[in-house]
Amino acid sequence: MTGVPASAAGGSGSTPVRGGKLGAAAVDQASLWNIANLLTMARLVLVPGFVVLLLHNGGYDPAWRSFAWAAFAIAMITDLFDGHLARTYNLVTDFGKIADPIADKAIMGAALVCLSYLGDLPWWVTGVILFREIGITLMRFWVIRHGVIPASRGGKMKTLAQGTAVGMYVLALTGPLATLRFWVMAVAVVLTVVTGLDYVRQAVVLRRQGLAAERAAEGPQGAAEGAEPVAGAAGARGAAEARGAAEAER
């Protein structure tokens, strides 16, 4: 979630440079109050409102659960839009890099915990999904100095399946639709586990490669010649890491 004026991104006019590369100075000069960040803030505000709507009147009122579904759907849609705007207009801020994944995890976690509390969803399903989401987020920080794990197609499918399944569970569905949501959630859980294991594999490979590169740079020639190129490579990679950390799969 990020933002950059055209001048900071290398443009000469007043309009943003679409798809331009970000430098450290661009990240520092980004405005906090850009549209992408405002959408993230709105998503954070929606979380407590969603919980109140879902649990209102005991949590089993179809009308209130429809309102809760609307709040959840808006949160999911804003997640798509703020990411698109950030990538298109280079809206980079430190706040966005931190708040965006928090907002994503908060709305999904709140929905899962509330549904399990109401007895609509087994606690083990909530546990598996939350363990995966939090674990992968921490793992990204573990390997961030070696590089950013890019969002995968499987990860995007997982996010779509989770959002669809949870949305269906929020609604008071019965009959065939209630059966359908069970299978959608089953697909979401499978994708959650499979993509989680794949990200762990990528993280281990990335860390090994990073450590190997560091050891090679610190060899006989690294003391005099390797240090500066490594630092330069790290600086050149900084923009990609800043952007990739915000866009990485959730």
Protein backbone atom coordinates (compact mmCIF):
# COMPACT_ATOMS: atom_id res chain seq x y z
CA MET A 1 0.00 0.00 0.00
CA THR A 2 2.10 2.75 -1.20
CA GLY A 3 2.35 6.25 -2.62
CA VAL A 4 4.75 8.40 -4.52
CA PRO A 5 4.57 11.82 -6.20
CA ALA A 6 5.57 11.90 -9.84
CA SER A 7 8.60 14.02 -9.10
CA ALA A 8 9.86 11.53 -6.55
CA ALA A 9 9.36 8.64 -8.92
CA GLY A 10 11.29 10.29 -11.68
CA GLY A 11 8.44 12.04 -13.51
CA SER A 12 8.47 15.70 -14.36
CA GLY A 13 4.76 16.47 -14.30
CA SER A 14 2.16 16.56 -11.58
CA THR A 15 0.58 13.22 -12.44
CA PRO A 16 1.85 9.93 -10.97
CA VAL A 17 4.13 7.73 -13.02
CA ARG A 18 2.18 4.53 -13.58
CA GLY A 19 4.20 1.44 -12.79
CA GLY A 20 7.30 3.46 -11.99
CA LYS A 21 10.00 1.93 -9.81
CA LEU A 22 10.27 3.07 -6.22
CA GLY A 23 13.37 4.30 -4.51
CA ALA A 24 13.98 4.81 -0.80
CA ALA A 25 13.42 8.56 -1.17
CA ALA A 26 10.08 7.94 -2.87
CA VAL A 27 8.90 5.79 0.01
CA ASP A 28 9.92 8.44 2.53
CA GLN A 29 8.12 11.23 0.66
CA ALA A 30 4.83 9.38 0.16
CA SER A 31 1.72 11.00 1.62
CA LEU A 32 -0.04 9.15 4.42
CA TRP A 33 -3.45 10.44 3.34
CA ASN A 34 -3.65 8.79 -0.05
CA ILE A 35 -6.66 6.88 -1.35
CA ALA A 36 -5.07 3.46 -0.86
CA ASN A 37 -4.34 4.16 2.81
CA LEU A 38 -7.81 5.60 3.35
CA LEU A 39 -9.33 2.38 2.04
CA THR A 40 -7.13 0.40 4.43
CA MET A 41 -8.24 2.60 7.34
CA ALA A 42 -11.88 2.08 6.33
CA ARG A 43 -11.30 -1.68 6.36
CA LEU A 44 -9.86 -1.48 9.87
CA VAL A 45 -12.88 0.53 11.04
CA LEU A 46 -15.21 -2.04 9.50
CA VAL A 47 -13.84 -4.85 11.69
CA PRO A 48 -15.55 -3.92 14.99
CA GLY A 49 -18.69 -2.92 13.09
CA PHE A 50 -18.76 -6.31 11.38
CA VAL A 51 -18.40 -8.12 14.72
CA VAL A 52 -21.27 -6.13 16.26
CA LEU A 53 -23.53 -6.83 13.29
CA LEU A 54 -22.72 -10.56 13.22
CA LEU A 55 -23.23 -11.11 16.95
CA HIS A 56 -26.24 -8.82 17.32
CA ASN A 57 -29.38 -10.40 18.74
CA GLY A 58 -27.55 -13.61 19.64
CA GLY A 59 -25.87 -13.99 16.26
CA TYR A 60 -28.69 -15.92 14.60
CA ASP A 61 -30.88 -13.16 13.17
CA PRO A 62 -30.88 -13.58 9.35
CA ALA A 63 -31.36 -9.84 8.77
CA TRP A 64 -28.44 -8.79 10.96
CA ARG A 65 -26.25 -11.48 9.46
CA SER A 66 -27.06 -10.08 6.02
CA PHE A 67 -25.85 -6.68 7.23
CA ALA A 68 -22.71 -8.36 8.57
CA TRP A 69 -22.17 -10.04 5.20
CA ALA A 70 -22.42 -6.64 3.48
CA ALA A 71 -19.73 -5.24 5.81
CA PHE A 72 -17.52 -8.27 5.15
CA ALA A 73 -18.01 -7.97 1.39
CA ILE A 74 -17.10 -4.27 1.46
CA ALA A 75 -13.94 -5.08 3.40
CA MET A 76 -12.94 -7.73 0.85
CA ILE A 77 -13.62 -5.37 -2.07
CA THR A 78 -11.60 -2.53 -0.55
CA ASP A 79 -8.72 -4.98 -0.14
CA LEU A 80 -8.72 -5.53 -3.90
CA PHE A 81 -8.98 -1.82 -4.71
CA ASP A 82 -6.32 -0.53 -2.34
CA GLY A 83 -3.83 -3.07 -3.66
CA HIS A 84 -4.65 -2.16 -7.26
CA LEU A 85 -4.33 1.56 -6.58
CA ALA A 86 -1.06 1.06 -4.72
CA ARG A 87 0.47 -0.91 -7.59
CA THR A 88 -0.84 1.42 -10.30
CA TYR A 89 0.00 4.78 -8.76
CA ASN A 90 2.97 3.80 -6.58
CA LEU A 91 1.27 4.86 -3.35
CA VAL A 92 3.94 3.68 -0.94
CA THR A 93 3.92 4.49 2.78
CA ASP A 94 5.30 2.74 5.84
CA PHE A 95 1.80 2.91 7.35
CA GLY A 96 0.36 1.08 4.37
CA LYS A 97 2.98 -1.68 4.46
CA ILE A 98 2.08 -2.37 8.08
CA ALA A 99 -1.65 -1.62 8.17
CA ASP A 100 -2.69 -3.44 4.99
CA PRO A 101 -1.79 -6.99 6.11
CA ILE A 102 -3.10 -6.22 9.61
CA ALA A 103 -6.46 -5.16 8.16
CA ASP A 104 -6.62 -8.30 6.01
CA LYS A 105 -5.89 -10.61 8.91
CA ALA A 106 -8.19 -8.68 11.26
CA ILE A 107 -11.36 -8.96 9.19
CA MET A 108 -10.77 -12.61 8.30
CA GLY A 109 -9.74 -13.53 11.83
CA ALA A 110 -12.74 -11.74 13.35
CA ALA A 111 -15.11 -13.56 11.01
CA LEU A 112 -13.60 -16.98 11.71
CA VAL A 113 -13.52 -16.54 15.49
CA CYS A 114 -17.11 -15.24 15.59
CA LEU A 115 -18.39 -18.07 13.41
CA SER A 116 -16.67 -20.65 15.61
CA TYR A 117 -18.00 -18.91 18.73
CA LEU A 118 -21.53 -19.18 17.30
CA GLY A 119 -20.97 -22.87 16.55
CA ASP A 120 -21.27 -22.48 12.78
CA LEU A 121 -17.66 -23.37 12.04
CA PRO A 122 -15.43 -25.94 13.82
CA TRP A 123 -12.68 -24.36 15.91
CA TRP A 124 -10.05 -26.51 14.22
CA VAL A 125 -10.84 -24.85 10.87
CA THR A 126 -10.38 -21.42 12.44
CA GLY A 127 -7.16 -22.61 14.08
CA VAL A 128 -5.68 -24.01 10.86
CA ILE A 129 -6.41 -20.86 8.84
CA LEU A 130 -5.22 -18.41 11.50
CA PHE A 131 -2.09 -20.44 12.23
CA ARG A 132 -1.21 -20.44 8.54
CA GLU A 133 -1.90 -16.73 8.02
CA ILE A 134 0.01 -15.55 11.09
CA GLY A 135 2.82 -18.05 10.54
CA ILE A 136 3.40 -17.03 6.92
CA THR A 137 3.40 -13.35 7.88
CA LEU A 138 6.07 -13.94 10.53
CA MET A 139 8.04 -16.10 8.12
CA ARG A 140 8.14 -13.26 5.58
CA PHE A 141 9.79 -11.03 8.17
CA TRP A 142 12.24 -13.87 8.89
CA VAL A 143 13.52 -13.90 5.30
CA ILE A 144 12.87 -10.28 4.29
CA ARG A 145 16.57 -9.34 4.28
CA HIS A 146 17.20 -12.04 1.69
CA GLY A 147 14.28 -11.07 -0.54
CA VAL A 148 10.51 -11.06 -0.84
CA ILE A 149 8.44 -14.18 -1.48
CA PRO A 150 6.15 -13.20 -4.37
CA ALA A 151 2.41 -13.77 -4.37
CA SER A 152 1.59 -17.04 -6.09
CA ARG A 153 -1.43 -18.04 -8.13
CA GLY A 154 -2.27 -20.63 -5.50
CA GLY A 155 -2.12 -17.97 -2.81
CA LYS A 156 -4.56 -15.78 -4.71
CA MET A 157 -6.89 -18.74 -5.21
CA LYS A 158 -6.65 -19.43 -1.48
CA THR A 159 -7.62 -15.85 -0.65
CA LEU A 160 -10.59 -16.01 -3.03
CA ALA A 161 -11.74 -19.37 -1.64
CA GLN A 162 -11.43 -18.18 1.96
CA GLY A 163 -13.35 -14.97 1.30
CA THR A 164 -16.12 -16.81 -0.57
CA ALA A 165 -16.44 -19.56 2.04
CA VAL A 166 -16.44 -17.22 5.04
CA GLY A 167 -18.94 -14.94 3.31
CA MET A 168 -21.27 -17.88 2.75
CA TYR A 169 -20.96 -18.91 6.40
CA VAL A 170 -21.77 -15.38 7.54
CA LEU A 171 -25.08 -15.56 5.69
CA ALA A 172 -27.84 -17.64 7.27
CA LEU A 173 -27.97 -20.23 4.50
CA THR A 174 -29.98 -23.45 4.55
CA GLY A 175 -30.53 -26.44 2.28
CA PRO A 176 -28.29 -26.97 -0.76
CA LEU A 177 -26.50 -23.65 -0.24
CA ALA A 178 -25.51 -24.69 3.25
CA THR A 179 -24.07 -27.90 1.81
CA LEU A 180 -22.28 -25.95 -0.91
CA ARG A 181 -20.59 -23.64 1.58
CA PHE A 182 -19.23 -26.67 3.43
CA TRP A 183 -17.42 -27.83 0.29
CA VAL A 184 -16.22 -24.34 -0.55
CA MET A 185 -14.71 -24.11 2.93
CA ALA A 186 -13.14 -27.55 2.48
CA VAL A 187 -11.45 -26.30 -0.70
CA ALA A 188 -10.31 -23.18 1.14
CA VAL A 189 -8.77 -25.23 3.96
CA VAL A 190 -6.94 -27.49 1.50
CA LEU A 191 -5.56 -24.49 -0.41
CA THR A 192 -4.62 -22.86 2.89
CA VAL A 193 -2.50 -25.84 3.92
CA VAL A 194 -0.98 -26.57 0.50
CA THR A 195 -0.01 -22.96 -0.24
CA GLY A 196 1.29 -22.55 3.30
CA LEU A 197 3.66 -25.49 2.86
CA ASP A 198 4.76 -24.11 -0.50
CA TYR A 199 5.59 -20.74 1.05
CA VAL A 200 7.60 -22.45 3.77
CA ARG A 201 9.58 -24.27 1.07
CA GLN A 202 10.19 -21.01 -0.79
CA ALA A 203 11.28 -19.28 2.41
CA VAL A 204 13.78 -22.02 3.26
CA VAL A 205 15.24 -21.95 -0.28
CA LEU A 206 15.40 -18.15 -0.28
CA ARG A 207 17.16 -18.03 3.08
CA ARG A 208 19.69 -20.68 2.05
CA GLN A 209 20.47 -18.80 -1.14
CA GLY A 210 20.81 -15.53 0.78
CA LEU A 211 23.15 -17.04 3.35
CA ALA A 212 25.21 -18.69 0.60
CA ALA A 213 25.54 -15.35 -1.19
CA GLU A 214 26.62 -13.67 2.03
CA ARG A 215 29.24 -16.34 2.72
CA ALA A 216 30.55 -16.03 -0.85
CA ALA A 217 30.79 -12.25 -0.47
CA GLU A 218 32.69 -12.63 2.78
CA GLY A 219 35.30 -14.95 1.19
CA PRO A 220 38.94 -14.04 0.48
CA GLN A 221 37.98 -11.25 -1.90
CA GLY A 222 34.80 -10.30 -0.05
CA ALA A 223 36.54 -8.38 2.69
CA ALA A 224 37.82 -5.74 0.25
CA GLU A 225 35.63 -6.11 -2.82
CA GLY A 226 32.54 -8.05 -1.83
CA ALA A 227 31.16 -5.80 0.88
CA GLU A 228 30.41 -2.84 -1.36
CA PRO A 229 28.69 -4.85 -4.14
CA VAL A 230 26.59 -6.69 -1.55
CA ALA A 231 25.54 -3.39 0.00
CA GLY A 232 24.75 -2.03 -3.45
CA ALA A 233 22.69 -5.08 -4.31
CA ALA A 234 20.80 -4.75 -1.06
CA GLY A 235 20.08 -1.10 -1.81
CA ALA A 236 18.91 -1.89 -5.33
CA ARG A 237 16.68 -4.60 -3.93
CA GLY A 238 15.18 -2.26 -1.33
CA ALA A 239 12.52 -0.83 -3.62
CA ALA A 240 11.36 -4.28 -4.69
CA GLU A 241 11.24 -5.42 -1.07
CA ALA A 242 9.25 -2.39 0.03
CA ARG A 243 6.70 -2.93 -2.69
CA GLY A 244 6.75 -6.72 -2.48
CA ALA A 245 6.16 -6.74 1.29
CA ALA A 246 2.92 -4.83 0.77
CA GLU A 247 1.78 -6.89 -2.24
CA ALA A 248 2.83 -10.31 -0.93
CA GLU A 249 0.13 -12.93 -0.59
CA ARG A 250 -1.86 -12.84 2.55
